[in-house]
C-alpha atoms as a PDB file:
ATOM      1  CA  MET A   1       0.039   0.019   0.004  1.00  0.00           C
ATOM      2  CA  ASP A   2       1.233   3.497  -0.800  1.00  0.00           C
ATOM      3  CA  HIS A   3       2.047   5.831   2.035  1.00  0.00           C
ATOM      4  CA  PRO A   4       1.798   9.717   1.981  1.00  0.00           C
ATOM      5  CA  GLY A   5       4.931  11.224   0.427  1.00  0.00           C
ATOM      6  CA  GLU A   6       5.865   7.910  -1.305  1.00  0.00           C
ATOM      7  CA  LEU A   7       6.217   7.748  -5.060  1.00  0.00           C
ATOM      8  CA  PRO A   8       3.474   5.900  -6.931  1.00  0.00           C
ATOM      9  CA  ALA A   9       4.358   2.274  -7.813  1.00  0.00           C
ATOM     10  CA  HIS A  10       4.855   3.014 -11.520  1.00  0.00           C
ATOM     11  CA  LEU A  11       7.562   5.581 -10.713  1.00  0.00           C
ATOM     12  CA  ARG A  12       9.643   3.419  -8.400  1.00  0.00           C
ATOM     13  CA  ARG A  13      13.003   1.887  -9.350  1.00  0.00           C
ATOM     14  CA  ARG A  14      11.997  -1.767  -9.585  1.00  0.00           C
ATOM     15  CA  PRO A  15       9.474  -1.362 -12.481  1.00  0.00           C
ATOM     16  CA  MET A  16      11.995   0.746 -14.382  1.00  0.00           C
ATOM     17  CA  ARG A  17      14.777  -1.824 -13.774  1.00  0.00           C
ATOM     18  CA  ARG A  18      12.497  -4.601 -15.033  1.00  0.00           C
ATOM     19  CA  ALA A  19      11.566  -2.663 -18.124  1.00  0.00           C
ATOM     20  CA  ILE A  20      15.231  -2.072 -18.953  1.00  0.00           C
ATOM     21  CA  GLN A  21      16.033  -5.696 -18.343  1.00  0.00           C
ATOM     22  CA  LYS A  22      13.086  -6.933 -20.439  1.00  0.00           C
ATOM     23  CA  HIS A  23      13.540  -4.614 -23.417  1.00  0.00           C
ATOM     24  CA  ILE A  24      17.329  -3.978 -23.499  1.00  0.00           C
ATOM     25  CA  THR A  25      19.508  -6.207 -21.323  1.00  0.00           C
ATOM     26  CA  ASP A  26      17.872  -9.574 -22.055  1.00  0.00           C
ATOM     27  CA  PRO A  27      17.561  -9.118 -25.864  1.00  0.00           C
ATOM     28  CA  LEU A  28      21.100  -7.750 -26.070  1.00  0.00           C
ATOM     29  CA  SER A  29      22.357 -10.796 -24.100  1.00  0.00           C
ATOM     30  CA  GLU A  30      20.529 -13.088 -26.546  1.00  0.00           C
ATOM     31  CA  GLU A  31      22.153 -11.374 -29.523  1.00  0.00           C
ATOM     32  CA  MET A  32      25.581 -11.702 -27.912  1.00  0.00           C
ATOM     33  CA  LEU A  33      25.018 -15.425 -27.236  1.00  0.00           C
ATOM     34  CA  ARG A  34      24.161 -15.834 -30.943  1.00  0.00           C
ATOM     35  CA  GLY A  35      27.594 -14.435 -31.817  1.00  0.00           C
ATOM     36  CA  ARG A  36      26.571 -10.901 -32.783  1.00  0.00           C
ATOM     37  CA  PHE A  37      28.814  -8.062 -31.568  1.00  0.00           C
ATOM     38  CA  LYS A  38      31.656 -10.574 -30.919  1.00  0.00           C
ATOM     39  CA  ASP A  39      34.368  -8.083 -31.576  1.00  0.00           C
ATOM     40  CA  ALA A  40      32.380  -4.920 -30.656  1.00  0.00           C
ATOM     41  CA  GLN A  41      33.842  -2.484 -28.153  1.00  0.00           C
ATOM     42  CA  LYS A  42      30.535  -0.525 -27.931  1.00  0.00           C
ATOM     43  CA  VAL A  43      26.953  -1.326 -28.809  1.00  0.00           C
ATOM     44  CA  MET A  44      24.462   1.495 -29.105  1.00  0.00           C
ATOM     45  CA  VAL A  45      20.755   1.122 -28.251  1.00  0.00           C
ATOM     46  CA  LEU A  46      18.472   2.954 -30.666  1.00  0.00           C
ATOM     47  CA  MET A  47      14.742   3.375 -30.838  1.00  0.00           C
ATOM     48  CA  LYS A  48      13.421   3.429 -34.455  1.00  0.00           C
ATOM     49  CA  ASN A  49       9.722   3.084 -35.364  1.00  0.00           C
ATOM     50  CA  ASP A  50       8.870   1.897 -31.843  1.00  0.00           C
ATOM     51  CA  LEU A  51      11.382  -0.894 -32.098  1.00  0.00           C
ATOM     52  CA  ILE A  52      14.636  -1.174 -30.102  1.00  0.00           C
ATOM     53  CA  GLU A  53      17.693  -1.781 -32.308  1.00  0.00           C
ATOM     54  CA  PHE A  54      21.270  -2.594 -31.308  1.00  0.00           C
ATOM     55  CA  GLN A  55      24.027  -1.168 -33.438  1.00  0.00           C
ATOM     56  CA  GLU A  56      27.739  -1.920 -33.258  1.00  0.00           C
ATOM     57  CA  GLU A  57      29.255   1.542 -33.181  1.00  0.00           C
ATOM     58  CA  GLU A  58      32.239   0.820 -35.380  1.00  0.00           C
ATOM     59  CA  ALA A  59      30.798  -1.447 -38.018  1.00  0.00           C
ATOM     60  CA  GLY A  60      27.210  -0.270 -38.182  1.00  0.00           C
ATOM     61  CA  VAL A  61      25.733  -3.767 -37.921  1.00  0.00           C
ATOM     62  CA  LEU A  62      22.072  -3.662 -36.911  1.00  0.00           C
ATOM     63  CA  ALA A  63      20.132  -6.311 -35.021  1.00  0.00           C
ATOM     64  CA  LYS A  64      16.413  -5.668 -34.631  1.00  0.00           C
ATOM     65  CA  VAL A  65      14.506  -6.789 -31.606  1.00  0.00           C
END
């Protein structure tokens, strides 16, 4: 139950952490396990047309989620 002065449940850290894990961390891990970004130093996370894409910064390789 919410208490006075407490943030609403949808603004707390745990839901945000879960959303990041579900939409970014887990799919990126799957791509890495498949062998993508094997030699990448950096992977950028982009939002295009309501889809999250991962792009290797140096080579420009895209992997859509």
